[in-house]
Amino acid sequence: MPVSKEYLDYVQDLLSVLGPVDVKRMFGGAGLYHQGLFFGLVADDVLYFKVDDTTRADFETDGMEPFRPYGDEGYAMQYYEVPVDVLEDRDQLAAWAEKAINVAARKRVPASGKRSRKKN
């Protein structure tokens, strides 16, 4: 899953309309964060955004596939490849990124990593 510095710089520049987007290298790829929310990733110089049931159809309609870290036979993560036409349109890319950020916000787990439980 190598990622070139040039591609990461390109993606970071495109997403700069959102404000600061932090890039954290991991497992040969890179995670994309906005205000602490992990909303996207880059692997093999391909951009993926976080999805849920409210946004997945947008990606599937364009024929996009989920990210599979262990190849086609492995499990699929909740990140889908961003269509090329979206990637080439800064305004549309920003709109899709904002949806991914909203998905990440809804899925956020407290810093402890555990969901709080009610005590009786």
N, C-alpha and C. Protein backbone atom coordinates (compact mmCIF):
# COMPACT_ATOMS: atom_id res chain seq x y z
N MET A 1 0.81 -1.20 0.00
CA MET A 1 0.00 0.00 0.00
C MET A 1 0.85 1.26 0.00
N PRO A 2 1.92 1.32 -0.75
CA PRO A 2 2.75 2.52 -0.71
C PRO A 2 1.99 3.75 -1.22
N VAL A 3 2.35 4.86 -0.67
CA VAL A 3 1.75 6.14 -1.04
C VAL A 3 2.88 7.11 -1.35
N SER A 4 2.80 7.76 -2.51
CA SER A 4 3.84 8.72 -2.87
C SER A 4 3.60 10.05 -2.17
N LYS A 5 4.68 10.72 -1.86
CA LYS A 5 4.59 12.04 -1.24
C LYS A 5 3.86 13.01 -2.17
N GLU A 6 4.10 12.89 -3.47
CA GLU A 6 3.47 13.78 -4.44
C GLU A 6 1.94 13.63 -4.42
N TYR A 7 1.46 12.39 -4.35
CA TYR A 7 0.01 12.17 -4.33
C TYR A 7 -0.59 12.70 -3.02
N LEU A 8 0.08 12.45 -1.92
CA LEU A 8 -0.42 12.96 -0.64
C LEU A 8 -0.47 14.48 -0.64
N ASP A 9 0.56 15.11 -1.17
CA ASP A 9 0.58 16.57 -1.27
C ASP A 9 -0.58 17.07 -2.14
N TYR A 10 -0.84 16.37 -3.24
CA TYR A 10 -1.92 16.71 -4.16
C TYR A 10 -3.28 16.63 -3.44
N VAL A 11 -3.52 15.52 -2.75
CA VAL A 11 -4.78 15.34 -2.02
C VAL A 11 -4.91 16.38 -0.93
N GLN A 12 -3.85 16.61 -0.19
CA GLN A 12 -3.89 17.60 0.89
C GLN A 12 -4.18 18.99 0.35
N ASP A 13 -3.61 19.32 -0.80
CA ASP A 13 -3.88 20.62 -1.42
C ASP A 13 -5.35 20.72 -1.84
N LEU A 14 -5.87 19.67 -2.48
CA LEU A 14 -7.28 19.69 -2.90
C LEU A 14 -8.22 19.85 -1.70
N LEU A 15 -7.89 19.19 -0.60
CA LEU A 15 -8.76 19.22 0.57
C LEU A 15 -8.54 20.44 1.47
N SER A 16 -7.59 21.29 1.10
CA SER A 16 -7.30 22.46 1.94
C SER A 16 -8.48 23.42 2.04
N VAL A 17 -9.47 23.31 1.15
CA VAL A 17 -10.67 24.16 1.25
C VAL A 17 -11.44 23.86 2.53
N LEU A 18 -11.20 22.70 3.14
CA LEU A 18 -11.87 22.33 4.39
C LEU A 18 -11.21 22.96 5.61
N GLY A 19 -10.01 23.47 5.42
CA GLY A 19 -9.17 23.89 6.54
C GLY A 19 -8.05 22.87 6.66
N PRO A 20 -7.36 22.86 7.78
CA PRO A 20 -6.23 21.93 7.93
C PRO A 20 -6.67 20.46 7.85
N VAL A 21 -5.99 19.71 7.00
CA VAL A 21 -6.18 18.27 6.91
C VAL A 21 -4.84 17.65 7.29
N ASP A 22 -4.85 16.89 8.37
CA ASP A 22 -3.63 16.25 8.84
C ASP A 22 -3.49 14.88 8.21
N VAL A 23 -2.26 14.53 7.87
CA VAL A 23 -1.94 13.24 7.26
C VAL A 23 -1.07 12.48 8.24
N LYS A 24 -1.48 11.24 8.52
CA LYS A 24 -0.68 10.38 9.41
C LYS A 24 -0.39 9.09 8.65
N ARG A 25 0.89 8.83 8.46
CA ARG A 25 1.31 7.61 7.76
C ARG A 25 1.03 6.41 8.67
N MET A 26 0.51 5.33 8.02
CA MET A 26 0.24 4.12 8.78
C MET A 26 0.21 2.91 7.86
N PHE A 27 0.89 1.85 8.24
CA PHE A 27 0.86 0.59 7.51
C PHE A 27 1.12 0.76 6.01
N GLY A 28 1.97 1.67 5.63
CA GLY A 28 2.29 1.89 4.23
C GLY A 28 1.35 2.85 3.54
N GLY A 29 0.20 3.12 4.14
CA GLY A 29 -0.76 4.08 3.60
C GLY A 29 -0.74 5.35 4.42
N ALA A 30 -1.84 6.10 4.37
CA ALA A 30 -1.93 7.33 5.14
C ALA A 30 -3.38 7.58 5.53
N GLY A 31 -3.57 8.05 6.75
CA GLY A 31 -4.89 8.43 7.23
C GLY A 31 -5.07 9.93 7.09
N LEU A 32 -6.29 10.36 6.78
CA LEU A 32 -6.61 11.78 6.65
C LEU A 32 -7.52 12.19 7.80
N TYR A 33 -7.15 13.26 8.47
CA TYR A 33 -7.88 13.72 9.65
C TYR A 33 -8.25 15.19 9.50
N HIS A 34 -9.46 15.52 9.91
CA HIS A 34 -9.90 16.92 9.96
C HIS A 34 -10.49 17.14 11.34
N GLN A 35 -9.89 18.06 12.07
CA GLN A 35 -10.30 18.35 13.45
C GLN A 35 -10.37 17.08 14.29
N GLY A 36 -9.38 16.23 14.11
CA GLY A 36 -9.27 15.00 14.89
C GLY A 36 -10.12 13.84 14.40
N LEU A 37 -10.88 14.03 13.36
CA LEU A 37 -11.75 12.97 12.84
C LEU A 37 -11.09 12.26 11.66
N PHE A 38 -11.00 10.96 11.75
CA PHE A 38 -10.40 10.13 10.70
C PHE A 38 -11.48 9.89 9.64
N PHE A 39 -11.39 10.64 8.53
CA PHE A 39 -12.44 10.63 7.52
C PHE A 39 -12.03 10.05 6.18
N GLY A 40 -10.75 9.81 5.98
CA GLY A 40 -10.29 9.31 4.70
C GLY A 40 -8.97 8.60 4.83
N LEU A 41 -8.63 7.88 3.77
CA LEU A 41 -7.32 7.24 3.75
C LEU A 41 -6.82 7.20 2.32
N VAL A 42 -5.53 7.02 2.21
CA VAL A 42 -4.89 6.90 0.90
C VAL A 42 -4.05 5.63 0.94
N ALA A 43 -4.25 4.79 -0.07
CA ALA A 43 -3.46 3.57 -0.23
C ALA A 43 -3.19 3.38 -1.71
N ASP A 44 -1.96 3.04 -2.05
CA ASP A 44 -1.57 2.86 -3.45
C ASP A 44 -1.97 4.06 -4.31
N ASP A 45 -1.82 5.24 -3.76
CA ASP A 45 -2.17 6.49 -4.45
C ASP A 45 -3.62 6.51 -4.93
N VAL A 46 -4.50 6.01 -4.09
CA VAL A 46 -5.94 6.06 -4.31
C VAL A 46 -6.56 6.66 -3.06
N LEU A 47 -7.50 7.59 -3.26
CA LEU A 47 -8.18 8.26 -2.15
C LEU A 47 -9.48 7.54 -1.83
N TYR A 48 -9.71 7.29 -0.54
CA TYR A 48 -10.93 6.66 -0.05
C TYR A 48 -11.53 7.54 1.03
N PHE A 49 -12.88 7.62 1.06
CA PHE A 49 -13.58 8.36 2.10
C PHE A 49 -14.42 7.40 2.94
N LYS A 50 -14.58 7.75 4.21
CA LYS A 50 -15.39 6.98 5.14
C LYS A 50 -16.86 7.05 4.71
N VAL A 51 -17.55 5.90 4.79
CA VAL A 51 -18.96 5.83 4.40
C VAL A 51 -19.78 5.17 5.50
N ASP A 52 -21.08 5.34 5.42
CA ASP A 52 -22.03 4.59 6.22
C ASP A 52 -23.26 4.37 5.34
N ASP A 53 -24.34 3.93 5.94
CA ASP A 53 -25.54 3.64 5.14
C ASP A 53 -26.12 4.87 4.46
N THR A 54 -25.79 6.06 4.96
CA THR A 54 -26.34 7.29 4.35
C THR A 54 -25.56 7.75 3.13
N THR A 55 -24.31 7.28 2.97
CA THR A 55 -23.47 7.78 1.87
C THR A 55 -22.95 6.69 0.93
N ARG A 56 -23.02 5.46 1.34
CA ARG A 56 -22.44 4.35 0.54
C ARG A 56 -22.98 4.32 -0.89
N ALA A 57 -24.29 4.56 -1.04
CA ALA A 57 -24.91 4.48 -2.38
C ALA A 57 -24.30 5.48 -3.36
N ASP A 58 -23.87 6.65 -2.87
CA ASP A 58 -23.22 7.63 -3.76
C ASP A 58 -22.00 7.02 -4.44
N PHE A 59 -21.24 6.24 -3.70
CA PHE A 59 -20.03 5.63 -4.22
C PHE A 59 -20.38 4.43 -5.11
N GLU A 60 -21.31 3.60 -4.63
CA GLU A 60 -21.67 2.41 -5.39
C GLU A 60 -22.34 2.76 -6.73
N THR A 61 -23.10 3.85 -6.76
CA THR A 61 -23.73 4.29 -8.01
C THR A 61 -22.68 4.59 -9.07
N ASP A 62 -21.54 5.10 -8.63
CA ASP A 62 -20.44 5.40 -9.57
C ASP A 62 -19.52 4.20 -9.78
N GLY A 63 -19.91 3.03 -9.24
CA GLY A 63 -19.13 1.82 -9.45
C GLY A 63 -17.89 1.71 -8.58
N MET A 64 -17.81 2.49 -7.52
CA MET A 64 -16.63 2.47 -6.66
C MET A 64 -16.69 1.30 -5.69
N GLU A 65 -15.53 0.84 -5.30
CA GLU A 65 -15.38 -0.32 -4.43
C GLU A 65 -14.85 0.10 -3.06
N PRO A 66 -15.10 -0.74 -2.05
CA PRO A 66 -14.55 -0.45 -0.73
C PRO A 66 -13.05 -0.76 -0.67
N PHE A 67 -12.40 -0.17 0.28
CA PHE A 67 -10.99 -0.44 0.52
C PHE A 67 -10.87 -1.82 1.16
N ARG A 68 -10.01 -2.65 0.60
CA ARG A 68 -9.74 -3.99 1.12
C ARG A 68 -8.24 -4.08 1.40
N PRO A 69 -7.86 -3.94 2.67
CA PRO A 69 -6.42 -3.89 2.99
C PRO A 69 -5.66 -5.16 2.68
N TYR A 70 -6.36 -6.30 2.55
CA TYR A 70 -5.67 -7.57 2.29
C TYR A 70 -6.02 -8.14 0.93
N GLY A 71 -6.38 -7.26 -0.01
CA GLY A 71 -6.69 -7.70 -1.36
C GLY A 71 -8.15 -8.07 -1.53
N ASP A 72 -8.47 -8.51 -2.74
CA ASP A 72 -9.86 -8.80 -3.10
C ASP A 72 -10.51 -9.89 -2.25
N GLU A 73 -9.74 -10.77 -1.70
CA GLU A 73 -10.29 -11.86 -0.89
C GLU A 73 -10.47 -11.47 0.58
N GLY A 74 -9.91 -10.34 0.98
CA GLY A 74 -10.00 -9.90 2.37
C GLY A 74 -11.28 -9.14 2.65
N TYR A 75 -11.40 -8.75 3.90
CA TYR A 75 -12.59 -8.00 4.31
C TYR A 75 -12.58 -6.59 3.75
N ALA A 76 -13.77 -6.01 3.67
CA ALA A 76 -13.92 -4.64 3.16
C ALA A 76 -14.09 -3.69 4.33
N MET A 77 -13.38 -2.59 4.28
CA MET A 77 -13.52 -1.55 5.30
C MET A 77 -14.60 -0.56 4.89
N GLN A 78 -15.00 0.29 5.79
CA GLN A 78 -16.06 1.28 5.54
C GLN A 78 -15.49 2.55 4.91
N TYR A 79 -14.58 2.36 3.96
CA TYR A 79 -13.99 3.45 3.19
C TYR A 79 -14.12 3.06 1.72
N TYR A 80 -14.62 3.98 0.90
CA TYR A 80 -14.80 3.70 -0.52
C TYR A 80 -13.95 4.64 -1.36
N GLU A 81 -13.50 4.11 -2.50
CA GLU A 81 -12.71 4.90 -3.44
C GLU A 81 -13.51 6.10 -3.93
N VAL A 82 -12.86 7.26 -3.98
CA VAL A 82 -13.49 8.48 -4.48
C VAL A 82 -13.45 8.46 -6.00
N PRO A 83 -14.60 8.66 -6.66
CA PRO A 83 -14.61 8.66 -8.14
C PRO A 83 -13.69 9.74 -8.72
N VAL A 84 -13.09 9.45 -9.86
CA VAL A 84 -12.15 10.37 -10.50
C VAL A 84 -12.81 11.72 -10.82
N ASP A 85 -14.06 11.70 -11.29
CA ASP A 85 -14.72 12.97 -11.62
C ASP A 85 -14.92 13.83 -10.38
N VAL A 86 -15.11 13.21 -9.22
CA VAL A 86 -15.22 13.96 -7.96
C VAL A 86 -13.84 14.50 -7.57
N LEU A 87 -12.84 13.67 -7.72
CA LEU A 87 -11.47 14.08 -7.38
C LEU A 87 -11.01 15.26 -8.22
N GLU A 88 -11.49 15.35 -9.45
CA GLU A 88 -11.06 16.43 -10.35
C GLU A 88 -11.89 17.70 -10.23
N ASP A 89 -12.89 17.70 -9.36
CA ASP A 89 -13.76 18.87 -9.15
C ASP A 89 -13.66 19.28 -7.69
N ARG A 90 -12.88 20.33 -7.43
CA ARG A 90 -12.58 20.73 -6.06
C ARG A 90 -13.83 20.96 -5.21
N ASP A 91 -14.86 21.60 -5.78
CA ASP A 91 -16.09 21.87 -5.02
C ASP A 91 -16.83 20.58 -4.68
N GLN A 92 -16.92 19.70 -5.67
CA GLN A 92 -17.59 18.42 -5.43
C GLN A 92 -16.79 17.58 -4.44
N LEU A 93 -15.47 17.60 -4.55
CA LEU A 93 -14.63 16.86 -3.63
C LEU A 93 -14.83 17.36 -2.20
N ALA A 94 -14.91 18.67 -2.03
CA ALA A 94 -15.13 19.24 -0.70
C ALA A 94 -16.47 18.78 -0.12
N ALA A 95 -17.50 18.73 -0.96
CA ALA A 95 -18.82 18.29 -0.50
C ALA A 95 -18.78 16.82 -0.07
N TRP A 96 -18.11 15.98 -0.84
CA TRP A 96 -18.01 14.56 -0.49
C TRP A 96 -17.16 14.39 0.77
N ALA A 97 -16.10 15.18 0.90
CA ALA A 97 -15.25 15.10 2.09
C ALA A 97 -16.03 15.51 3.33
N GLU A 98 -16.85 16.54 3.21
CA GLU A 98 -17.67 16.97 4.36
C GLU A 98 -18.64 15.87 4.78
N LYS A 99 -19.19 15.15 3.82
CA LYS A 99 -20.06 14.02 4.17
C LYS A 99 -19.26 12.95 4.92
N ALA A 100 -18.04 12.68 4.46
CA ALA A 100 -17.19 11.68 5.12
C ALA A 100 -16.83 12.13 6.53
N ILE A 101 -16.59 13.42 6.71
CA ILE A 101 -16.29 13.96 8.04
C ILE A 101 -17.50 13.80 8.95
N ASN A 102 -18.69 14.04 8.41
CA ASN A 102 -19.91 13.86 9.20
C ASN A 102 -20.11 12.40 9.59
N VAL A 103 -19.79 11.48 8.69
CA VAL A 103 -19.87 10.06 9.01
C VAL A 103 -18.90 9.75 10.15
N ALA A 104 -17.68 10.25 10.04
CA ALA A 104 -16.68 10.01 11.08
C ALA A 104 -17.14 10.59 12.42
N ALA A 105 -17.78 11.73 12.40
CA ALA A 105 -18.27 12.36 13.65
C ALA A 105 -19.35 11.49 14.28
N ARG A 106 -20.22 10.92 13.46
CA ARG A 106 -21.28 10.06 14.00
C ARG A 106 -20.72 8.77 14.57
N LYS A 107 -19.63 8.30 14.01
CA LYS A 107 -19.04 7.02 14.43
C LYS A 107 -18.00 7.19 15.54
N ARG A 108 -17.74 8.41 15.92
CA ARG A 108 -16.66 8.67 16.89
C ARG A 108 -16.89 7.91 18.19
N VAL A 109 -15.83 7.29 18.66
CA VAL A 109 -15.84 6.58 19.94
C VAL A 109 -15.11 7.47 20.94
N PRO A 110 -15.59 7.54 22.19
CA PRO A 110 -14.90 8.36 23.19
C PRO A 110 -13.42 8.00 23.30
N ALA A 111 -12.62 8.93 23.76
CA ALA A 111 -11.16 8.77 23.82
C ALA A 111 -10.76 7.51 24.58
N SER A 112 -11.55 7.07 25.56
CA SER A 112 -11.21 5.87 26.32
C SER A 112 -11.28 4.62 25.46
N GLY A 113 -11.96 4.74 24.29
CA GLY A 113 -12.11 3.60 23.40
C GLY A 113 -13.29 2.72 23.79
N LYS A 114 -13.97 3.09 24.87
CA LYS A 114 -15.11 2.31 25.33
C LYS A 114 -16.35 3.19 25.36
N ARG A 115 -17.44 2.60 25.02
CA ARG A 115 -18.70 3.32 25.11
C ARG A 115 -19.10 3.34 26.59
N SER A 116 -19.66 4.47 27.01
CA SER A 116 -20.06 4.56 28.41
C SER A 116 -21.25 3.65 28.69
N ARG A 117 -21.25 3.10 29.89
CA ARG A 117 -22.34 2.22 30.32
C ARG A 117 -23.06 2.88 31.49
N LYS A 118 -24.38 2.70 31.49
CA LYS A 118 -25.17 3.21 32.59
C LYS A 118 -24.98 2.30 33.79
N LYS A 119 -24.77 2.89 34.94
CA LYS A 119 -24.70 2.10 36.17
C LYS A 119 -26.04 2.18 36.87
N ASN A 120 -26.45 1.05 37.43
CA ASN A 120 -27.73 1.02 38.18
C ASN A 120 -27.52 1.37 39.61
